[in-house]
Amino acid sequence: MRSRSVIGMSEVGALSDTASEKKQGLLSGFKQFMMRGNVVDLAVAVVIGAAFTNIVNSVVNGVINPVVGAFGTKDLAGYTLCIKAPCTVDATGKVTQGVAVAWGSVLGAVLNFLITAAVVYFLMVVPMSRFLARRTAKLAQDKEPEPAEETPDIVLLREIRDALRAQSPGASVVAQRSRSDAGSGPGPGSGSGEEA
């Protein structure tokens, strides 16, 4: 019995070691996740979105709802469709009898989403993409390679080429080589251009 309990204790010790290793692995994984740039971008987006909700709600309540109110009720949530009659609504706007579909509140939520998406796109995405395009173009322009200065070897080779051209007036070395290469290939007459 004791040998089993000793084995059991050693197994418990091994399990606790692997559990602590897993905790370390989880903590380091969580730390890596939190240090990614995506998490910071997401946090900024959530904060800006929460602050932006008040602006959108005021546009919907101050502009959209009065325009809709010119044709009917001022509040979109007041538009309902009665599926099972009779539909009775109490003073708070809740349906007490019958079945009603509140399509006005769905329409209000859709308009709220479309206004939010339009404002985010036109006031944040478009200016940022233009800024990034200008920045990328400027960086590409700044990175254009400057003409490299000629090394002494290249200067010497050009001087040799010019001297060879001066020795054979009327024909360049390139022209002589092309005439010799135009022959039928290597043979007894093909080496005549290389001797000059």
N, C-alpha and C. Protein backbone atom coordinates (compact mmCIF):
# COMPACT_ATOMS: atom_id res chain seq x y z
N MET A 1 0.81 -1.19 0.00
CA MET A 1 0.00 0.00 0.00
C MET A 1 0.86 1.26 0.00
N ARG A 2 1.94 1.20 0.77
CA ARG A 2 2.79 2.39 0.83
C ARG A 2 3.45 2.67 -0.50
N SER A 3 3.83 1.63 -1.22
CA SER A 3 4.48 1.87 -2.51
C SER A 3 3.52 2.55 -3.47
N ARG A 4 2.24 2.20 -3.39
CA ARG A 4 1.27 2.86 -4.25
C ARG A 4 1.11 4.32 -3.84
N SER A 5 1.09 4.61 -2.57
CA SER A 5 0.94 6.00 -2.15
C SER A 5 2.17 6.82 -2.52
N VAL A 6 3.36 6.22 -2.49
CA VAL A 6 4.56 6.93 -2.89
C VAL A 6 4.51 7.22 -4.39
N ILE A 7 4.08 6.25 -5.16
CA ILE A 7 3.95 6.48 -6.61
C ILE A 7 2.90 7.55 -6.86
N GLY A 8 1.83 7.46 -6.11
CA GLY A 8 0.79 8.46 -6.26
C GLY A 8 1.29 9.86 -5.91
N MET A 9 2.11 9.98 -4.89
CA MET A 9 2.65 11.29 -4.50
C MET A 9 3.60 11.82 -5.57
N SER A 10 4.39 10.92 -6.14
CA SER A 10 5.30 11.38 -7.20
C SER A 10 4.52 11.82 -8.42
N GLU A 11 3.42 11.12 -8.70
CA GLU A 11 2.59 11.54 -9.82
C GLU A 11 1.95 12.89 -9.55
N VAL A 12 1.53 13.12 -8.31
CA VAL A 12 0.95 14.42 -7.95
C VAL A 12 2.00 15.51 -8.10
N GLY A 13 3.23 15.23 -7.70
CA GLY A 13 4.31 16.21 -7.86
C GLY A 13 4.57 16.51 -9.33
N ALA A 14 4.54 15.48 -10.16
CA ALA A 14 4.75 15.70 -11.60
C ALA A 14 3.60 16.50 -12.19
N LEU A 15 2.38 16.23 -11.73
CA LEU A 15 1.23 16.98 -12.22
C LEU A 15 1.30 18.44 -11.81
N SER A 16 1.75 18.70 -10.59
CA SER A 16 1.86 20.10 -10.15
C SER A 16 2.94 20.83 -10.93
N ASP A 17 4.03 20.13 -11.29
CA ASP A 17 5.07 20.76 -12.11
C ASP A 17 4.53 21.13 -13.48
N THR A 18 3.78 20.21 -14.11
CA THR A 18 3.22 20.53 -15.43
C THR A 18 2.17 21.61 -15.32
N ALA A 19 1.43 21.66 -14.21
CA ALA A 19 0.43 22.71 -14.03
C ALA A 19 1.10 24.08 -13.91
N SER A 20 2.22 24.14 -13.19
CA SER A 20 2.91 25.43 -13.08
C SER A 20 3.52 25.84 -14.41
N GLU A 21 4.00 24.85 -15.19
CA GLU A 21 4.52 25.17 -16.52
C GLU A 21 3.40 25.68 -17.42
N LYS A 22 2.21 25.09 -17.31
CA LYS A 22 1.09 25.56 -18.11
C LYS A 22 0.69 26.96 -17.70
N LYS A 23 0.74 27.27 -16.38
CA LYS A 23 0.43 28.62 -15.93
C LYS A 23 1.42 29.61 -16.51
N GLN A 24 2.70 29.24 -16.49
CA GLN A 24 3.71 30.11 -17.07
C GLN A 24 3.46 30.30 -18.56
N GLY A 25 3.11 29.19 -19.24
CA GLY A 25 2.83 29.27 -20.67
C GLY A 25 1.62 30.13 -20.95
N LEU A 26 0.58 30.01 -20.13
CA LEU A 26 -0.62 30.82 -20.30
C LEU A 26 -0.33 32.29 -20.03
N LEU A 27 0.43 32.56 -18.98
CA LEU A 27 0.73 33.95 -18.65
C LEU A 27 1.61 34.59 -19.73
N SER A 28 2.60 33.85 -20.21
CA SER A 28 3.45 34.43 -21.26
C SER A 28 2.67 34.59 -22.56
N GLY A 29 1.78 33.64 -22.84
CA GLY A 29 0.94 33.77 -24.03
C GLY A 29 0.01 34.97 -23.93
N PHE A 30 -0.56 35.18 -22.74
CA PHE A 30 -1.43 36.33 -22.53
C PHE A 30 -0.65 37.64 -22.67
N LYS A 31 0.57 37.64 -22.13
CA LYS A 31 1.42 38.83 -22.23
C LYS A 31 1.74 39.14 -23.70
N GLN A 32 2.06 38.10 -24.48
CA GLN A 32 2.34 38.31 -25.90
C GLN A 32 1.10 38.83 -26.63
N PHE A 33 -0.06 38.28 -26.27
CA PHE A 33 -1.31 38.72 -26.88
C PHE A 33 -1.57 40.19 -26.58
N MET A 34 -1.34 40.60 -25.35
CA MET A 34 -1.61 41.98 -24.95
C MET A 34 -0.61 42.96 -25.56
N MET A 35 0.59 42.49 -25.86
CA MET A 35 1.61 43.38 -26.38
C MET A 35 1.53 43.55 -27.90
N ARG A 36 0.65 42.81 -28.54
CA ARG A 36 0.48 42.96 -29.99
C ARG A 36 -0.11 44.33 -30.29
N GLY A 37 0.16 44.85 -31.46
CA GLY A 37 -0.39 46.14 -31.86
C GLY A 37 -1.88 46.07 -32.12
N ASN A 38 -2.40 44.89 -32.49
CA ASN A 38 -3.81 44.77 -32.81
C ASN A 38 -4.67 45.06 -31.59
N VAL A 39 -4.24 44.64 -30.42
CA VAL A 39 -5.04 44.84 -29.21
C VAL A 39 -5.13 46.33 -28.90
N VAL A 40 -4.05 47.04 -29.05
CA VAL A 40 -4.06 48.48 -28.78
C VAL A 40 -4.96 49.18 -29.80
N ASP A 41 -4.86 48.80 -31.07
CA ASP A 41 -5.72 49.39 -32.09
C ASP A 41 -7.19 49.12 -31.78
N LEU A 42 -7.48 47.90 -31.35
CA LEU A 42 -8.85 47.55 -31.02
C LEU A 42 -9.35 48.36 -29.82
N ALA A 43 -8.52 48.54 -28.82
CA ALA A 43 -8.91 49.31 -27.65
C ALA A 43 -9.20 50.77 -28.02
N VAL A 44 -8.36 51.35 -28.87
CA VAL A 44 -8.58 52.72 -29.32
C VAL A 44 -9.88 52.81 -30.11
N ALA A 45 -10.14 51.82 -30.95
CA ALA A 45 -11.38 51.82 -31.74
C ALA A 45 -12.61 51.74 -30.85
N VAL A 46 -12.55 50.93 -29.81
CA VAL A 46 -13.70 50.80 -28.91
C VAL A 46 -13.95 52.12 -28.17
N VAL A 47 -12.88 52.76 -27.71
CA VAL A 47 -13.05 54.03 -26.98
C VAL A 47 -13.59 55.10 -27.90
N ILE A 48 -13.05 55.20 -29.10
CA ILE A 48 -13.53 56.21 -30.05
C ILE A 48 -14.97 55.90 -30.46
N GLY A 49 -15.29 54.63 -30.65
CA GLY A 49 -16.65 54.25 -31.01
C GLY A 49 -17.65 54.59 -29.92
N ALA A 50 -17.26 54.37 -28.67
CA ALA A 50 -18.15 54.70 -27.56
C ALA A 50 -18.38 56.21 -27.48
N ALA A 51 -17.33 56.99 -27.68
CA ALA A 51 -17.48 58.45 -27.65
C ALA A 51 -18.27 58.94 -28.86
N PHE A 52 -18.12 58.25 -29.97
CA PHE A 52 -18.78 58.65 -31.20
C PHE A 52 -20.27 58.32 -31.18
N THR A 53 -20.67 57.38 -30.35
CA THR A 53 -22.08 56.99 -30.26
C THR A 53 -22.95 58.17 -29.87
N ASN A 54 -22.47 59.02 -28.98
CA ASN A 54 -23.25 60.20 -28.56
C ASN A 54 -23.49 61.14 -29.74
N ILE A 55 -22.48 61.31 -30.58
CA ILE A 55 -22.63 62.19 -31.75
C ILE A 55 -23.68 61.62 -32.70
N VAL A 56 -23.59 60.33 -32.96
CA VAL A 56 -24.54 59.70 -33.89
C VAL A 56 -25.95 59.75 -33.33
N ASN A 57 -26.08 59.46 -32.05
CA ASN A 57 -27.42 59.51 -31.44
C ASN A 57 -28.02 60.91 -31.52
N SER A 58 -27.21 61.94 -31.31
CA SER A 58 -27.73 63.29 -31.40
C SER A 58 -28.12 63.65 -32.85
N VAL A 59 -27.38 63.14 -33.84
CA VAL A 59 -27.75 63.38 -35.24
C VAL A 59 -29.08 62.68 -35.55
N VAL A 60 -29.22 61.43 -35.08
CA VAL A 60 -30.47 60.70 -35.33
C VAL A 60 -31.64 61.39 -34.64
N ASN A 61 -31.46 61.75 -33.37
CA ASN A 61 -32.56 62.36 -32.62
C ASN A 61 -32.84 63.80 -33.04
N GLY A 62 -31.80 64.52 -33.47
CA GLY A 62 -31.97 65.94 -33.81
C GLY A 62 -32.26 66.20 -35.28
N VAL A 63 -31.88 65.28 -36.18
CA VAL A 63 -32.06 65.53 -37.61
C VAL A 63 -32.98 64.48 -38.25
N ILE A 64 -32.64 63.23 -38.09
CA ILE A 64 -33.39 62.17 -38.78
C ILE A 64 -34.81 62.05 -38.25
N ASN A 65 -34.95 61.95 -36.92
CA ASN A 65 -36.28 61.77 -36.34
C ASN A 65 -37.22 62.94 -36.67
N PRO A 66 -36.80 64.21 -36.64
CA PRO A 66 -37.72 65.29 -37.04
C PRO A 66 -38.12 65.20 -38.51
N VAL A 67 -37.21 64.78 -39.39
CA VAL A 67 -37.57 64.62 -40.80
C VAL A 67 -38.61 63.52 -40.95
N VAL A 68 -38.39 62.41 -40.25
CA VAL A 68 -39.37 61.33 -40.27
C VAL A 68 -40.66 61.80 -39.61
N GLY A 69 -40.54 62.62 -38.57
CA GLY A 69 -41.71 63.13 -37.87
C GLY A 69 -42.58 64.03 -38.74
N ALA A 70 -42.00 64.62 -39.79
CA ALA A 70 -42.80 65.43 -40.71
C ALA A 70 -43.80 64.57 -41.48
N PHE A 71 -43.51 63.29 -41.62
CA PHE A 71 -44.39 62.38 -42.34
C PHE A 71 -45.22 61.51 -41.41
N GLY A 72 -44.93 61.51 -40.14
CA GLY A 72 -45.66 60.65 -39.21
C GLY A 72 -45.22 60.97 -37.79
N THR A 73 -45.00 59.95 -37.02
CA THR A 73 -44.57 60.16 -35.64
C THR A 73 -43.10 60.55 -35.61
N LYS A 74 -42.71 61.33 -34.58
CA LYS A 74 -41.34 61.83 -34.50
C LYS A 74 -40.35 60.73 -34.11
N ASP A 75 -40.80 59.78 -33.35
CA ASP A 75 -39.93 58.71 -32.87
C ASP A 75 -40.11 57.48 -33.76
N LEU A 76 -39.02 56.97 -34.31
CA LEU A 76 -39.10 55.79 -35.17
C LEU A 76 -39.59 54.56 -34.42
N ALA A 77 -39.33 54.51 -33.13
CA ALA A 77 -39.74 53.34 -32.35
C ALA A 77 -41.26 53.24 -32.27
N GLY A 78 -41.97 54.30 -32.61
CA GLY A 78 -43.42 54.29 -32.56
C GLY A 78 -44.05 53.53 -33.72
N TYR A 79 -43.28 53.23 -34.75
CA TYR A 79 -43.84 52.51 -35.90
C TYR A 79 -43.86 51.02 -35.59
N THR A 80 -45.02 50.45 -35.60
CA THR A 80 -45.18 49.02 -35.34
C THR A 80 -46.16 48.43 -36.34
N LEU A 81 -46.13 47.13 -36.46
CA LEU A 81 -47.04 46.40 -37.32
C LEU A 81 -47.73 45.36 -36.45
N CYS A 82 -49.06 45.41 -36.41
CA CYS A 82 -49.81 44.49 -35.57
C CYS A 82 -50.05 43.20 -36.34
N ILE A 83 -49.50 42.09 -35.82
CA ILE A 83 -49.66 40.80 -36.48
C ILE A 83 -50.92 40.10 -35.97
N LYS A 84 -51.11 40.12 -34.67
CA LYS A 84 -52.28 39.47 -34.07
C LYS A 84 -53.11 40.54 -33.35
N ALA A 85 -54.24 40.83 -33.89
CA ALA A 85 -55.10 41.89 -33.36
C ALA A 85 -55.88 41.40 -32.15
N PRO A 86 -56.35 42.19 -31.33
CA PRO A 86 -56.17 43.63 -31.26
C PRO A 86 -54.87 43.97 -30.52
N CYS A 87 -54.15 44.97 -31.03
CA CYS A 87 -52.91 45.42 -30.39
C CYS A 87 -53.22 46.66 -29.57
N THR A 88 -52.91 46.57 -28.30
CA THR A 88 -53.08 47.73 -27.43
C THR A 88 -51.73 48.06 -26.81
N VAL A 89 -51.48 49.33 -26.75
CA VAL A 89 -50.19 49.83 -26.25
C VAL A 89 -50.47 50.69 -25.03
N ASP A 90 -49.70 50.51 -23.96
CA ASP A 90 -49.88 51.33 -22.77
C ASP A 90 -49.14 52.66 -22.91
N ALA A 91 -49.14 53.46 -21.87
CA ALA A 91 -48.53 54.80 -21.91
C ALA A 91 -47.01 54.75 -22.08
N THR A 92 -46.39 53.67 -21.66
CA THR A 92 -44.92 53.56 -21.80
C THR A 92 -44.50 53.08 -23.17
N GLY A 93 -45.43 52.66 -24.02
CA GLY A 93 -45.10 52.21 -25.36
C GLY A 93 -44.97 50.71 -25.49
N LYS A 94 -45.24 49.97 -24.44
CA LYS A 94 -45.16 48.51 -24.50
C LYS A 94 -46.51 47.94 -24.93
N VAL A 95 -46.44 46.88 -25.72
CA VAL A 95 -47.65 46.21 -26.20
C VAL A 95 -48.20 45.36 -25.06
N THR A 96 -49.44 45.62 -24.68
CA THR A 96 -50.05 44.86 -23.59
C THR A 96 -50.94 43.75 -24.10
N GLN A 97 -51.45 43.89 -25.31
CA GLN A 97 -52.34 42.87 -25.85
C GLN A 97 -52.05 42.73 -27.34
N GLY A 98 -52.02 41.50 -27.84
CA GLY A 98 -51.75 41.24 -29.25
C GLY A 98 -50.25 41.07 -29.49
N VAL A 99 -49.90 40.89 -30.76
CA VAL A 99 -48.49 40.71 -31.15
C VAL A 99 -48.15 41.81 -32.15
N ALA A 100 -47.14 42.59 -31.83
CA ALA A 100 -46.73 43.70 -32.70
C ALA A 100 -45.25 43.56 -33.04
N VAL A 101 -44.94 43.88 -34.29
CA VAL A 101 -43.54 43.92 -34.74
C VAL A 101 -43.10 45.37 -34.75
N ALA A 102 -42.06 45.68 -34.01
CA ALA A 102 -41.57 47.06 -33.90
C ALA A 102 -40.55 47.32 -35.00
N TRP A 103 -41.04 47.48 -36.22
CA TRP A 103 -40.14 47.68 -37.34
C TRP A 103 -39.52 49.07 -37.32
N GLY A 104 -40.12 50.00 -36.64
CA GLY A 104 -39.56 51.35 -36.55
C GLY A 104 -38.26 51.37 -35.76
N SER A 105 -38.17 50.58 -34.69
CA SER A 105 -36.93 50.55 -33.92
C SER A 105 -35.82 49.84 -34.72
N VAL A 106 -36.21 48.85 -35.54
CA VAL A 106 -35.21 48.20 -36.41
C VAL A 106 -34.70 49.20 -37.44
N LEU A 107 -35.62 49.96 -38.03
CA LEU A 107 -35.22 50.98 -39.00
C LEU A 107 -34.32 52.03 -38.35
N GLY A 108 -34.64 52.42 -37.12
CA GLY A 108 -33.80 53.38 -36.40
C GLY A 108 -32.40 52.84 -36.16
N ALA A 109 -32.30 51.55 -35.80
CA ALA A 109 -30.99 50.94 -35.58
C ALA A 109 -30.20 50.86 -36.88
N VAL A 110 -30.88 50.54 -38.00
CA VAL A 110 -30.20 50.48 -39.30
C VAL A 110 -29.70 51.87 -39.69
N LEU A 111 -30.55 52.88 -39.53
CA LEU A 111 -30.11 54.25 -39.84
C LEU A 111 -28.95 54.68 -38.96
N ASN A 112 -29.00 54.32 -37.69
CA ASN A 112 -27.92 54.63 -36.76
C ASN A 112 -26.61 53.99 -37.24
N PHE A 113 -26.69 52.73 -37.66
CA PHE A 113 -25.50 52.04 -38.16
C PHE A 113 -24.97 52.69 -39.43
N LEU A 114 -25.87 53.00 -40.38
CA LEU A 114 -25.43 53.60 -41.65
C LEU A 114 -24.80 54.98 -41.44
N ILE A 115 -25.38 55.76 -40.54
CA ILE A 115 -24.81 57.08 -40.26
C ILE A 115 -23.43 56.93 -39.61
N THR A 116 -23.33 56.01 -38.66
CA THR A 116 -22.03 55.77 -38.01
C THR A 116 -20.99 55.33 -39.03
N ALA A 117 -21.36 54.37 -39.88
CA ALA A 117 -20.42 53.86 -40.88
C ALA A 117 -20.00 54.95 -41.86
N ALA A 118 -20.95 55.79 -42.29
CA ALA A 118 -20.64 56.86 -43.23
C ALA A 118 -19.71 57.89 -42.60
N VAL A 119 -20.00 58.28 -41.38
CA VAL A 119 -19.15 59.28 -40.72
C VAL A 119 -17.76 58.73 -40.47
N VAL A 120 -17.66 57.49 -40.02
CA VAL A 120 -16.34 56.88 -39.79
C VAL A 120 -15.58 56.79 -41.10
N TYR A 121 -16.26 56.40 -42.18
CA TYR A 121 -15.57 56.25 -43.46
C TYR A 121 -15.09 57.60 -43.99
N PHE A 122 -16.01 58.59 -44.03
CA PHE A 122 -15.66 59.86 -44.65
C PHE A 122 -14.81 60.76 -43.77
N LEU A 123 -14.89 60.61 -42.46
CA LEU A 123 -14.12 61.49 -41.58
C LEU A 123 -12.86 60.84 -41.02
N MET A 124 -12.77 59.51 -41.10
CA MET A 124 -11.59 58.84 -40.54
C MET A 124 -10.83 58.02 -41.58
N VAL A 125 -11.53 57.15 -42.29
CA VAL A 125 -10.85 56.22 -43.20
C VAL A 125 -10.28 56.94 -44.41
N VAL A 126 -11.08 57.76 -45.08
CA VAL A 126 -10.62 58.44 -46.30
C VAL A 126 -9.45 59.39 -46.00
N PRO A 127 -9.55 60.26 -44.99
CA PRO A 127 -8.38 61.12 -44.73
C PRO A 127 -7.13 60.32 -44.34
N MET A 128 -7.30 59.25 -43.56
CA MET A 128 -6.14 58.46 -43.15
C MET A 128 -5.52 57.75 -44.35
N SER A 129 -6.33 57.23 -45.25
CA SER A 129 -5.76 56.55 -46.42
C SER A 129 -5.05 57.55 -47.34
N ARG A 130 -5.60 58.76 -47.46
CA ARG A 130 -4.90 59.79 -48.25
C ARG A 130 -3.57 60.17 -47.60
N PHE A 131 -3.59 60.31 -46.30
CA PHE A 131 -2.35 60.64 -45.58
C PHE A 131 -1.31 59.55 -45.77
N LEU A 132 -1.73 58.29 -45.63
CA LEU A 132 -0.78 57.18 -45.79
C LEU A 132 -0.27 57.08 -47.22
N ALA A 133 -1.12 57.37 -48.21
CA ALA A 133 -0.68 57.35 -49.61
C ALA A 133 0.37 58.43 -49.86
N ARG A 134 0.13 59.62 -49.32
CA ARG A 134 1.12 60.71 -49.48
C ARG A 134 2.42 60.36 -48.78
N ARG A 135 2.29 59.78 -47.60
CA ARG A 135 3.50 59.41 -46.85
C ARG A 135 4.29 58.33 -47.58
N THR A 136 3.61 57.34 -48.14
CA THR A 136 4.28 56.29 -48.88
C THR A 136 4.96 56.85 -50.12
N ALA A 137 4.28 57.77 -50.82
CA ALA A 137 4.88 58.37 -52.01
C ALA A 137 6.11 59.19 -51.64
N LYS A 138 6.03 59.91 -50.53
CA LYS A 138 7.19 60.71 -50.10
C LYS A 138 8.36 59.81 -49.71
N LEU A 139 8.07 58.72 -49.00
CA LEU A 139 9.14 57.79 -48.63
C LEU A 139 9.75 57.13 -49.86
N ALA A 140 8.92 56.80 -50.84
CA ALA A 140 9.45 56.20 -52.08
C ALA A 140 10.31 57.20 -52.83
N GLN A 141 9.89 58.47 -52.81
CA GLN A 141 10.68 59.51 -53.48
C GLN A 141 12.01 59.73 -52.77
N ASP A 142 11.98 59.69 -51.44
CA ASP A 142 13.20 59.89 -50.68
C ASP A 142 14.16 58.72 -50.84
N LYS A 143 13.65 57.53 -51.12
CA LYS A 143 14.49 56.35 -51.23
C LYS A 143 15.05 56.11 -52.63
N GLU A 144 14.78 57.03 -53.58
CA GLU A 144 15.32 56.83 -54.92
C GLU A 144 16.84 56.81 -54.83
N PRO A 145 17.44 55.82 -55.47
CA PRO A 145 18.90 55.73 -55.37
C PRO A 145 19.58 56.86 -56.12
N GLU A 146 20.58 57.41 -55.48
CA GLU A 146 21.37 58.45 -56.13
C GLU A 146 22.37 57.77 -57.06
N PRO A 147 22.73 58.44 -58.14
CA PRO A 147 23.70 57.81 -59.04
C PRO A 147 25.02 57.57 -58.30
N ALA A 148 25.48 56.36 -58.42
CA ALA A 148 26.70 55.98 -57.72
C ALA A 148 27.91 56.60 -58.40
N GLU A 149 28.88 57.00 -57.59
CA GLU A 149 30.10 57.54 -58.16
C GLU A 149 30.89 56.41 -58.79
N GLU A 150 31.56 56.74 -59.87
CA GLU A 150 32.30 55.72 -60.59
C GLU A 150 33.57 55.35 -59.82
N THR A 151 33.80 54.07 -59.75
CA THR A 151 35.01 53.60 -59.09
C THR A 151 36.19 53.78 -60.04
N PRO A 152 37.39 53.78 -59.50
CA PRO A 152 38.57 53.94 -60.37
C PRO A 152 38.67 52.83 -61.43
N ASP A 153 38.18 51.63 -61.12
CA ASP A 153 38.23 50.55 -62.10
C ASP A 153 37.37 50.87 -63.32
N ILE A 154 36.18 51.41 -63.07
CA ILE A 154 35.29 51.73 -64.19
C ILE A 154 35.86 52.87 -65.00
N VAL A 155 36.45 53.86 -64.35
CA VAL A 155 37.08 54.97 -65.07
C VAL A 155 38.21 54.44 -65.95
N LEU A 156 39.02 53.52 -65.42
CA LEU A 156 40.12 52.94 -66.19
C LEU A 156 39.60 52.14 -67.38
N LEU A 157 38.56 51.36 -67.18
CA LEU A 157 37.99 50.58 -68.28
C LEU A 157 37.43 51.49 -69.37
N ARG A 158 36.81 52.59 -69.00
CA ARG A 158 36.31 53.53 -70.01
C ARG A 158 37.47 54.17 -70.80
N GLU A 159 38.54 54.48 -70.10
CA GLU A 159 39.70 55.05 -70.79
C GLU A 159 40.28 54.04 -71.78
N ILE A 160 40.34 52.78 -71.38
CA ILE A 160 40.85 51.73 -72.29
C ILE A 160 39.93 51.61 -73.50
N ARG A 161 38.62 51.61 -73.27
CA ARG A 161 37.67 51.53 -74.38
C ARG A 161 37.83 52.69 -75.33
N ASP A 162 37.97 53.91 -74.79
CA ASP A 162 38.12 55.09 -75.64
C ASP A 162 39.43 55.03 -76.41
N ALA A 163 40.48 54.50 -75.77
CA ALA A 163 41.77 54.38 -76.47
C ALA A 163 41.67 53.36 -77.61
N LEU A 164 40.96 52.27 -77.40
CA LEU A 164 40.78 51.28 -78.47
C LEU A 164 39.96 51.84 -79.62
N ARG A 165 38.95 52.62 -79.30
CA ARG A 165 38.17 53.25 -80.37
C ARG A 165 39.02 54.22 -81.16
N ALA A 166 39.92 54.93 -80.49
CA ALA A 166 40.76 55.90 -81.18
C ALA A 166 41.79 55.21 -82.09
N GLN A 167 42.21 54.00 -81.75
CA GLN A 167 43.20 53.28 -82.57
C GLN A 167 42.60 52.79 -83.87
N SER A 168 41.34 52.43 -83.89
CA SER A 168 40.73 51.94 -85.13
C SER A 168 39.67 52.94 -85.58
N PRO A 169 40.07 53.93 -86.38
CA PRO A 169 39.12 54.96 -86.81
C PRO A 169 38.04 54.35 -87.72
N GLY A 170 36.79 54.80 -87.53
CA GLY A 170 35.70 54.37 -88.40
C GLY A 170 34.99 53.11 -87.90
N ALA A 171 35.56 52.36 -87.00
CA ALA A 171 34.90 51.14 -86.52
C ALA A 171 35.20 50.99 -85.04
N SER A 172 34.22 50.61 -84.30
CA SER A 172 34.42 50.43 -82.88
C SER A 172 34.73 48.97 -82.57
N VAL A 173 35.21 48.73 -81.39
CA VAL A 173 35.53 47.38 -80.97
C VAL A 173 34.28 46.52 -80.96
N VAL A 174 33.16 47.13 -80.59
CA VAL A 174 31.90 46.39 -80.53
C VAL A 174 31.49 45.97 -81.93
N ALA A 175 31.67 46.87 -82.90
CA ALA A 175 31.31 46.53 -84.28
C ALA A 175 32.20 45.41 -84.81
N GLN A 176 33.50 45.46 -84.48
CA GLN A 176 34.40 44.40 -84.94
C GLN A 176 34.01 43.06 -84.31
N ARG A 177 33.69 43.07 -83.06
CA ARG A 177 33.31 41.83 -82.38
C ARG A 177 32.02 41.28 -82.98
N SER A 178 31.05 42.16 -83.28
CA SER A 178 29.79 41.67 -83.82
C SER A 178 29.99 41.08 -85.21
N ARG A 179 30.94 41.60 -85.98
CA ARG A 179 31.22 41.01 -87.30
C ARG A 179 31.85 39.65 -87.15
N SER A 180 32.71 39.48 -86.17
CA SER A 180 33.35 38.19 -85.99
C SER A 180 32.37 37.16 -85.43
N ASP A 181 31.42 37.61 -84.59
CA ASP A 181 30.41 36.70 -84.04
C ASP A 181 29.37 36.33 -85.08
N ALA A 182 29.21 37.13 -86.13
CA ALA A 182 28.20 36.86 -87.14
C ALA A 182 28.60 35.70 -88.04
N GLY A 183 29.81 35.22 -87.95
CA GLY A 183 30.27 34.09 -88.77
C GLY A 183 29.56 32.80 -88.39
N SER A 184 29.99 31.70 -88.92
CA SER A 184 29.32 30.42 -88.72
C SER A 184 29.65 29.80 -87.40
N GLY A 185 30.37 30.46 -86.54
CA GLY A 185 30.71 29.89 -85.25
C GLY A 185 32.19 29.76 -85.12
N PRO A 186 32.66 29.04 -84.11
CA PRO A 186 34.10 28.92 -83.94
C PRO A 186 34.71 28.12 -85.08
N GLY A 187 35.71 28.65 -85.59
CA GLY A 187 36.42 28.00 -86.70
C GLY A 187 37.67 28.76 -87.02
N PRO A 188 38.30 28.42 -88.11
CA PRO A 188 39.57 29.08 -88.42
C PRO A 188 39.41 30.55 -88.73
N GLY A 189 38.29 30.98 -89.31
CA GLY A 189 38.15 32.38 -89.68
C GLY A 189 37.49 33.20 -88.62
N SER A 190 37.04 32.60 -87.53
CA SER A 190 36.29 33.36 -86.54
C SER A 190 37.17 34.14 -85.61
N GLY A 191 38.39 33.89 -85.50
CA GLY A 191 39.28 34.59 -84.58
C GLY A 191 39.86 35.84 -85.13
N SER A 192 39.54 36.26 -86.34
CA SER A 192 40.16 37.42 -86.95
C SER A 192 39.77 38.71 -86.26
N GLY A 193 38.57 38.79 -85.75
CA GLY A 193 38.15 40.03 -85.07
C GLY A 193 38.78 40.17 -83.71
N GLU A 194 39.20 39.09 -83.07
CA GLU A 194 39.76 39.17 -81.73
C GLU A 194 41.22 39.59 -81.75
N GLU A 195 41.87 39.48 -82.93
CA GLU A 195 43.27 39.83 -82.98
C GLU A 195 43.47 41.33 -83.02
N ALA A 196 42.51 42.10 -83.43
CA ALA A 196 42.67 43.53 -83.58
C ALA A 196 42.71 44.25 -82.29
